[in-house]
């Protein structure tokens, strides 16, 4: 291979590695924002809620940085096949992570409202749902960054459990609203908090789908066929 070609290949690999590092960093920040918001809610800690809200700005900047890096790689190196899928998937994953962080902000804001009122015993019921959402997000980030196809495929099945937990908690709060009007605002905030956690689960599935596409070139969105696990 001519020296110029080796140089281009090395530069391309370095750019892709840097893109991977930024995605992992963005994923870590997003997960931390979610955990801060959830712990702020469950522990009635306004400082944690405020931290989740304030730190969203760093995630926003990383989304823009990753988009710029992805376009630069496409323009400079004209990647094909798996490298091109890797760049496209990275840009899509950064969008999903930005939305997850936005939902963590929404959760943090609802949590601040709840913390400013008398405690609602039903709040503890969100602990399971928050844990499921955090686990789904963590595993989706890990599946993408580590190229773990089996983990990405398993996330598809696990989303059902998160949906069921969300629906059960929602029905519980709606029933409570019908019988107890003393804390209507708090119950409404809990419903919105539940929605935020459910949306994070949905975005985690999107990341898993992008991982599967990146690794196999199969688009499984909207009922597409799942690839086999070798």
C-alpha atoms as a PDB file:
ATOM      1  CA  UNK A   1       0.000   0.000   0.000  1.00  0.00           C
ATOM      2  CA  UNK A   2       1.443   3.427  -0.944  1.00  0.00           C
ATOM      3  CA  UNK A   3       2.381   5.694   1.997  1.00  0.00           C
ATOM      4  CA  UNK A   4      -0.337   8.215   1.079  1.00  0.00           C
ATOM      5  CA  UNK A   5      -2.988   5.472   1.163  1.00  0.00           C
ATOM      6  CA  UNK A   6      -1.740   4.211   4.518  1.00  0.00           C
ATOM      7  CA  UNK A   7      -1.898   7.744   5.871  1.00  0.00           C
ATOM      8  CA  UNK A   8      -5.489   8.207   4.674  1.00  0.00           C
ATOM      9  CA  UNK A   9      -6.501   4.845   6.124  1.00  0.00           C
ATOM     10  CA  UNK A  10      -4.950   5.687   9.486  1.00  0.00           C
ATOM     11  CA  UNK A  11      -6.581   9.137   9.517  1.00  0.00           C
ATOM     12  CA  UNK A  12      -9.951   7.549   8.732  1.00  0.00           C
ATOM     13  CA  UNK A  13      -9.559   5.016  11.542  1.00  0.00           C
ATOM     14  CA  UNK A  14      -8.527   7.733  13.981  1.00  0.00           C
ATOM     15  CA  UNK A  15     -11.560   9.847  13.048  1.00  0.00           C
ATOM     16  CA  UNK A  16     -13.901   6.889  13.547  1.00  0.00           C
ATOM     17  CA  UNK A  17     -12.311   6.089  16.909  1.00  0.00           C
ATOM     18  CA  UNK A  18     -12.761   9.679  18.037  1.00  0.00           C
ATOM     19  CA  UNK A  19     -16.390   9.551  16.930  1.00  0.00           C
ATOM     20  CA  UNK A  20     -16.862   6.403  19.014  1.00  0.00           C
ATOM     21  CA  UNK A  21     -15.302   8.101  22.037  1.00  0.00           C
ATOM     22  CA  UNK A  22     -17.622  11.094  21.765  1.00  0.00           C
ATOM     23  CA  UNK A  23     -20.684   8.840  21.525  1.00  0.00           C
ATOM     24  CA  UNK A  24     -19.618   6.961  24.645  1.00  0.00           C
ATOM     25  CA  UNK A  25     -19.003  10.243  26.482  1.00  0.00           C
ATOM     26  CA  UNK A  26     -22.395  11.571  25.429  1.00  0.00           C
ATOM     27  CA  UNK A  27     -24.029   8.343  26.567  1.00  0.00           C
ATOM     28  CA  UNK A  28     -22.353   8.550  29.970  1.00  0.00           C
ATOM     29  CA  UNK A  29     -23.536  12.145  30.463  1.00  0.00           C
ATOM     30  CA  UNK A  30     -27.085  11.302  29.396  1.00  0.00           C
ATOM     31  CA  UNK A  31     -27.257   8.347  31.751  1.00  0.00           C
ATOM     32  CA  UNK A  32     -25.949  10.488  34.596  1.00  0.00           C
ATOM     33  CA  UNK A  33     -28.620  13.115  33.896  1.00  0.00           C
ATOM     34  CA  UNK A  34     -31.321  10.458  34.036  1.00  0.00           C
ATOM     35  CA  UNK A  35     -30.023   9.028  37.297  1.00  0.00           C
ATOM     36  CA  UNK A  36     -29.743  12.475  38.866  1.00  0.00           C
ATOM     37  CA  UNK A  37     -33.303  13.323  37.904  1.00  0.00           C
ATOM     38  CA  UNK A  38     -34.658   9.979  39.123  1.00  0.00           C
ATOM     39  CA  UNK A  39     -32.709  10.095  42.389  1.00  0.00           C
ATOM     40  CA  UNK A  40     -33.822  13.681  42.891  1.00  0.00           C
ATOM     41  CA  UNK A  41     -37.411  12.584  42.534  1.00  0.00           C
ATOM     42  CA  UNK A  42     -37.181   9.511  44.758  1.00  0.00           C
ATOM     43  CA  UNK A  43     -34.950  11.165  47.358  1.00  0.00           C
ATOM     44  CA  UNK A  44     -36.685  14.563  47.294  1.00  0.00           C
ATOM     45  CA  UNK A  45     -33.342  16.154  46.442  1.00  0.00           C
ATOM     46  CA  UNK A  46     -33.845  19.406  44.534  1.00  0.00           C
ATOM     47  CA  UNK A  47     -30.106  19.840  43.982  1.00  0.00           C
ATOM     48  CA  UNK A  48     -29.965  16.620  41.961  1.00  0.00           C
ATOM     49  CA  UNK A  49     -32.971  17.745  39.931  1.00  0.00           C
ATOM     50  CA  UNK A  50     -31.264  21.056  39.175  1.00  0.00           C
ATOM     51  CA  UNK A  51     -28.055  19.267  38.193  1.00  0.00           C
ATOM     52  CA  UNK A  52     -29.904  17.104  35.663  1.00  0.00           C
ATOM     53  CA  UNK A  53     -31.467  20.203  34.146  1.00  0.00           C
ATOM     54  CA  UNK A  54     -28.249  22.232  34.041  1.00  0.00           C
ATOM     55  CA  UNK A  55     -26.085  19.426  32.617  1.00  0.00           C
ATOM     56  CA  UNK A  56     -28.344  18.953  29.603  1.00  0.00           C
ATOM     57  CA  UNK A  57     -26.459  21.746  27.864  1.00  0.00           C
ATOM     58  CA  UNK A  58     -23.318  19.617  27.613  1.00  0.00           C
ATOM     59  CA  UNK A  59     -25.319  16.869  25.908  1.00  0.00           C
ATOM     60  CA  UNK A  60     -26.746  19.353  23.413  1.00  0.00           C
ATOM     61  CA  UNK A  61     -23.250  20.507  22.475  1.00  0.00           C
ATOM     62  CA  UNK A  62     -22.082  16.930  21.992  1.00  0.00           C
ATOM     63  CA  UNK A  63     -24.941  16.236  19.597  1.00  0.00           C
ATOM     64  CA  UNK A  64     -23.791  19.144  17.424  1.00  0.00           C
ATOM     65  CA  UNK A  65     -20.153  18.040  17.680  1.00  0.00           C
ATOM     66  CA  UNK A  66     -20.950  14.462  16.651  1.00  0.00           C
ATOM     67  CA  UNK A  67     -23.020  15.640  13.690  1.00  0.00           C
ATOM     68  CA  UNK A  68     -20.120  17.836  12.559  1.00  0.00           C
ATOM     69  CA  UNK A  69     -17.621  15.007  12.984  1.00  0.00           C
ATOM     70  CA  UNK A  70     -19.832  12.596  11.071  1.00  0.00           C
ATOM     71  CA  UNK A  71     -20.261  14.954   8.130  1.00  0.00           C
ATOM     72  CA  UNK A  72     -16.540  15.675   8.109  1.00  0.00           C
ATOM     73  CA  UNK A  73     -15.739  11.945   7.935  1.00  0.00           C
ATOM     74  CA  UNK A  74     -18.176  11.466   5.052  1.00  0.00           C
ATOM     75  CA  UNK A  75     -16.756  14.468   3.185  1.00  0.00           C
ATOM     76  CA  UNK A  76     -13.071  13.670   3.735  1.00  0.00           C
ATOM     77  CA  UNK A  77     -12.994   9.893   3.468  1.00  0.00           C
ATOM     78  CA  UNK A  78     -16.124   8.855   1.519  1.00  0.00           C
ATOM     79  CA  UNK A  79     -16.669   5.776   3.719  1.00  0.00           C
ATOM     80  CA  UNK A  80     -18.602   2.798   2.383  1.00  0.00           C
ATOM     81  CA  UNK A  81     -20.251  -0.322   3.773  1.00  0.00           C
ATOM     82  CA  UNK A  82     -19.787  -0.826   7.518  1.00  0.00           C
ATOM     83  CA  UNK A  83     -17.842   2.423   8.006  1.00  0.00           C
ATOM     84  CA  UNK A  84     -20.603   4.463   6.389  1.00  0.00           C
ATOM     85  CA  UNK A  85     -23.255   2.693   8.459  1.00  0.00           C
ATOM     86  CA  UNK A  86     -21.173   3.375  11.553  1.00  0.00           C
ATOM     87  CA  UNK A  87     -21.079   7.106  10.847  1.00  0.00           C
ATOM     88  CA  UNK A  88     -24.775   7.356  10.005  1.00  0.00           C
ATOM     89  CA  UNK A  89     -25.762   5.287  13.028  1.00  0.00           C
ATOM     90  CA  UNK A  90     -23.565   7.408  15.310  1.00  0.00           C
ATOM     91  CA  UNK A  91     -25.313  10.567  14.189  1.00  0.00           C
ATOM     92  CA  UNK A  92     -28.713   8.973  14.768  1.00  0.00           C
ATOM     93  CA  UNK A  93     -27.708   7.650  18.172  1.00  0.00           C
ATOM     94  CA  UNK A  94     -26.537  11.119  19.201  1.00  0.00           C
ATOM     95  CA  UNK A  95     -29.997  12.441  18.354  1.00  0.00           C
ATOM     96  CA  UNK A  96     -31.633   9.710  20.442  1.00  0.00           C
ATOM     97  CA  UNK A  97     -29.313  10.471  23.365  1.00  0.00           C
ATOM     98  CA  UNK A  98     -30.102  14.186  23.145  1.00  0.00           C
ATOM     99  CA  UNK A  99     -33.792  13.365  23.345  1.00  0.00           C
ATOM    100  CA  UNK A 100     -33.195  11.075  26.316  1.00  0.00           C
ATOM    101  CA  UNK A 101     -31.429  13.923  28.089  1.00  0.00           C
ATOM    102  CA  UNK A 102     -34.367  16.215  27.269  1.00  0.00           C
ATOM    103  CA  UNK A 103     -36.715  13.695  28.880  1.00  0.00           C
ATOM    104  CA  UNK A 104     -34.416  13.577  31.905  1.00  0.00           C
ATOM    105  CA  UNK A 105     -34.790  17.358  32.104  1.00  0.00           C
ATOM    106  CA  UNK A 106     -38.560  16.945  31.963  1.00  0.00           C
ATOM    107  CA  UNK A 107     -38.334  14.386  34.747  1.00  0.00           C
ATOM    108  CA  UNK A 108     -36.154  16.724  36.804  1.00  0.00           C
ATOM    109  CA  UNK A 109     -38.595  19.591  36.430  1.00  0.00           C
ATOM    110  CA  UNK A 110     -41.566  17.459  37.459  1.00  0.00           C
ATOM    111  CA  UNK A 111     -39.505  16.158  40.368  1.00  0.00           C
ATOM    112  CA  UNK A 112     -38.829  19.710  41.564  1.00  0.00           C
ATOM    113  CA  UNK A 113     -42.560  20.370  41.618  1.00  0.00           C
ATOM    114  CA  UNK A 114     -43.163  17.189  43.591  1.00  0.00           C
ATOM    115  CA  UNK A 115     -40.375  18.005  46.056  1.00  0.00           C
ATOM    116  CA  UNK A 116     -41.994  21.359  46.760  1.00  0.00           C
ATOM    117  CA  UNK A 117     -45.202  19.752  47.989  1.00  0.00           C
ATOM    118  CA  UNK A 118     -46.072  17.311  50.779  1.00  0.00           C
ATOM    119  CA  UNK A 119     -44.751  13.788  50.062  1.00  0.00           C
ATOM    120  CA  UNK A 120     -46.889  11.503  47.891  1.00  0.00           C
ATOM    121  CA  UNK A 121     -46.531   7.826  48.888  1.00  0.00           C
ATOM    122  CA  UNK A 122     -47.175   6.714  45.308  1.00  0.00           C
ATOM    123  CA  UNK A 123     -43.915   8.354  44.188  1.00  0.00           C
ATOM    124  CA  UNK A 124     -42.015   5.308  45.437  1.00  0.00           C
ATOM    125  CA  UNK A 125     -43.789   3.282  42.772  1.00  0.00           C
ATOM    126  CA  UNK A 126     -41.641   4.992  40.141  1.00  0.00           C
ATOM    127  CA  UNK A 127     -38.472   3.392  41.504  1.00  0.00           C
ATOM    128  CA  UNK A 128     -38.935   0.227  39.455  1.00  0.00           C
ATOM    129  CA  UNK A 129     -39.778   2.118  36.278  1.00  0.00           C
ATOM    130  CA  UNK A 130     -36.812   4.469  36.716  1.00  0.00           C
ATOM    131  CA  UNK A 131     -34.523   1.473  37.173  1.00  0.00           C
ATOM    132  CA  UNK A 132     -35.856  -0.216  34.050  1.00  0.00           C
ATOM    133  CA  UNK A 133     -35.411   2.945  31.993  1.00  0.00           C
ATOM    134  CA  UNK A 134     -31.852   3.496  33.270  1.00  0.00           C
ATOM    135  CA  UNK A 135     -30.913  -0.129  32.606  1.00  0.00           C
ATOM    136  CA  UNK A 136     -32.348   0.003  29.087  1.00  0.00           C
ATOM    137  CA  UNK A 137     -30.456   3.197  28.308  1.00  0.00           C
ATOM    138  CA  UNK A 138     -27.204   1.871  29.773  1.00  0.00           C
ATOM    139  CA  UNK A 139     -27.456  -1.392  27.839  1.00  0.00           C
ATOM    140  CA  UNK A 140     -28.362   0.340  24.584  1.00  0.00           C
ATOM    141  CA  UNK A 141     -25.310   2.595  24.901  1.00  0.00           C
ATOM    142  CA  UNK A 142     -23.139  -0.403  25.718  1.00  0.00           C
ATOM    143  CA  UNK A 143     -24.533  -2.424  22.816  1.00  0.00           C
ATOM    144  CA  UNK A 144     -23.763   0.345  20.345  1.00  0.00           C
ATOM    145  CA  UNK A 145     -20.340   1.322  21.661  1.00  0.00           C
ATOM    146  CA  UNK A 146     -19.167  -2.285  22.077  1.00  0.00           C
ATOM    147  CA  UNK A 147     -20.781  -3.624  18.907  1.00  0.00           C
ATOM    148  CA  UNK A 148     -22.789  -6.136  20.960  1.00  0.00           C
ATOM    149  CA  UNK A 149     -25.470  -7.543  18.652  1.00  0.00           C
ATOM    150  CA  UNK A 150     -27.010 -10.049  21.123  1.00  0.00           C
ATOM    151  CA  UNK A 151     -27.496  -7.294  23.696  1.00  0.00           C
ATOM    152  CA  UNK A 152     -29.151  -5.033  21.113  1.00  0.00           C
ATOM    153  CA  UNK A 153     -31.515  -7.836  20.119  1.00  0.00           C
ATOM    154  CA  UNK A 154     -32.405  -8.598  23.748  1.00  0.00           C
ATOM    155  CA  UNK A 155     -33.369  -4.963  24.308  1.00  0.00           C
ATOM    156  CA  UNK A 156     -36.193  -5.421  21.838  1.00  0.00           C
ATOM    157  CA  UNK A 157     -37.825  -8.027  24.072  1.00  0.00           C
ATOM    158  CA  UNK A 158     -37.119  -6.171  27.321  1.00  0.00           C
ATOM    159  CA  UNK A 159     -39.011  -3.081  26.177  1.00  0.00           C
ATOM    160  CA  UNK A 160     -42.266  -4.949  26.780  1.00  0.00           C
ATOM    161  CA  UNK A 161     -41.540  -5.124  30.498  1.00  0.00           C
ATOM    162  CA  UNK A 162     -40.881  -1.396  30.689  1.00  0.00           C
ATOM    163  CA  UNK A 163     -44.104  -0.635  28.806  1.00  0.00           C
ATOM    164  CA  UNK A 164     -46.089  -2.873  31.124  1.00  0.00           C
ATOM    165  CA  UNK A 165     -44.614  -1.224  34.224  1.00  0.00           C
ATOM    166  CA  UNK A 166     -45.375   2.226  32.805  1.00  0.00           C
ATOM    167  CA  UNK A 167     -48.974   1.312  31.966  1.00  0.00           C
ATOM    168  CA  UNK A 168     -49.580  -0.300  35.364  1.00  0.00           C
ATOM    169  CA  UNK A 169     -48.263   2.738  37.243  1.00  0.00           C
ATOM    170  CA  UNK A 170     -50.262   5.098  35.040  1.00  0.00           C
ATOM    171  CA  UNK A 171     -53.485   3.203  35.759  1.00  0.00           C
ATOM    172  CA  UNK A 172     -52.690   3.232  39.451  1.00  0.00           C
ATOM    173  CA  UNK A 173     -52.265   7.013  39.509  1.00  0.00           C
ATOM    174  CA  UNK A 174     -55.388   7.601  37.416  1.00  0.00           C
ATOM    175  CA  UNK A 175     -57.369   5.489  39.884  1.00  0.00           C
ATOM    176  CA  UNK A 176     -55.913   7.500  42.734  1.00  0.00           C
ATOM    177  CA  UNK A 177     -56.904  10.735  41.026  1.00  0.00           C
ATOM    178  CA  UNK A 178     -60.493   9.524  40.872  1.00  0.00           C
ATOM    179  CA  UNK A 179     -60.655   8.907  44.610  1.00  0.00           C
ATOM    180  CA  UNK A 180     -58.327  11.545  46.095  1.00  0.00           C
ATOM    181  CA  UNK A 181     -58.506  15.153  44.941  1.00  0.00           C
ATOM    182  CA  UNK A 182     -56.251  16.516  47.700  1.00  0.00           C
ATOM    183  CA  UNK A 183     -53.031  16.244  45.658  1.00  0.00           C
ATOM    184  CA  UNK A 184     -54.195  16.518  42.084  1.00  0.00           C
ATOM    185  CA  UNK A 185     -51.177  18.554  40.959  1.00  0.00           C
ATOM    186  CA  UNK A 186     -48.782  16.026  42.445  1.00  0.00           C
ATOM    187  CA  UNK A 187     -50.507  13.112  40.742  1.00  0.00           C
ATOM    188  CA  UNK A 188     -50.435  14.937  37.416  1.00  0.00           C
ATOM    189  CA  UNK A 189     -46.696  15.538  37.855  1.00  0.00           C
ATOM    190  CA  UNK A 190     -46.253  11.833  38.530  1.00  0.00           C
ATOM    191  CA  UNK A 191     -48.070  10.995  35.298  1.00  0.00           C
ATOM    192  CA  UNK A 192     -45.768  13.292  33.328  1.00  0.00           C
ATOM    193  CA  UNK A 193     -42.733  11.816  35.099  1.00  0.00           C
ATOM    194  CA  UNK A 194     -43.933   8.363  34.061  1.00  0.00           C
ATOM    195  CA  UNK A 195     -44.227   9.541  30.481  1.00  0.00           C
ATOM    196  CA  UNK A 196     -40.649  10.863  30.526  1.00  0.00           C
ATOM    197  CA  UNK A 197     -39.321   7.502  31.701  1.00  0.00           C
ATOM    198  CA  UNK A 198     -41.344   5.668  29.073  1.00  0.00           C
ATOM    199  CA  UNK A 199     -39.987   7.905  26.335  1.00  0.00           C
ATOM    200  CA  UNK A 200     -36.431   7.195  27.465  1.00  0.00           C
ATOM    201  CA  UNK A 201     -37.204   3.505  27.092  1.00  0.00           C
ATOM    202  CA  UNK A 202     -38.490   4.147  23.575  1.00  0.00           C
ATOM    203  CA  UNK A 203     -35.330   6.031  22.626  1.00  0.00           C
ATOM    204  CA  UNK A 204     -33.222   3.196  24.027  1.00  0.00           C
ATOM    205  CA  UNK A 205     -34.972   0.860  21.605  1.00  0.00           C
ATOM    206  CA  UNK A 206     -34.181   3.272  18.780  1.00  0.00           C
ATOM    207  CA  UNK A 207     -30.510   3.075  19.741  1.00  0.00           C
ATOM    208  CA  UNK A 208     -30.714  -0.726  19.743  1.00  0.00           C
ATOM    209  CA  UNK A 209     -32.261  -0.641  16.264  1.00  0.00           C
ATOM    210  CA  UNK A 210     -29.475   1.618  15.011  1.00  0.00           C
ATOM    211  CA  UNK A 211     -26.940  -0.779  16.522  1.00  0.00           C
ATOM    212  CA  UNK A 212     -28.484  -3.711  14.663  1.00  0.00           C
ATOM    213  CA  UNK A 213     -28.437  -1.740  11.417  1.00  0.00           C
ATOM    214  CA  UNK A 214     -24.832  -0.696  11.947  1.00  0.00           C
ATOM    215  CA  UNK A 215     -23.664  -4.259  12.603  1.00  0.00           C
ATOM    216  CA  UNK A 216     -25.807  -6.213  10.122  1.00  0.00           C
ATOM    217  CA  UNK A 217     -27.140  -3.730   7.527  1.00  0.00           C
ATOM    218  CA  UNK A 218     -30.651  -4.934   8.394  1.00  0.00           C
ATOM    219  CA  UNK A 219     -33.279  -2.264   9.056  1.00  0.00           C
ATOM    220  CA  UNK A 220     -35.639  -3.775  11.633  1.00  0.00           C
ATOM    221  CA  UNK A 221     -37.753  -0.674  12.189  1.00  0.00           C
ATOM    222  CA  UNK A 222     -41.526  -0.955  11.762  1.00  0.00           C
ATOM    223  CA  UNK A 223     -41.604  -4.733  11.844  1.00  0.00           C
ATOM    224  CA  UNK A 224     -38.471  -5.497   9.853  1.00  0.00           C
ATOM    225  CA  UNK A 225     -37.013  -8.986  10.158  1.00  0.00           C
ATOM    226  CA  UNK A 226     -34.563  -9.527  13.011  1.00  0.00           C
ATOM    227  CA  UNK A 227     -31.125 -10.916  12.112  1.00  0.00           C
ATOM    228  CA  UNK A 228     -30.138 -14.250  13.691  1.00  0.00           C
ATOM    229  CA  UNK A 229     -27.735 -14.357  16.605  1.00  0.00           C
ATOM    230  CA  UNK A 230     -24.691 -16.367  15.556  1.00  0.00           C
END
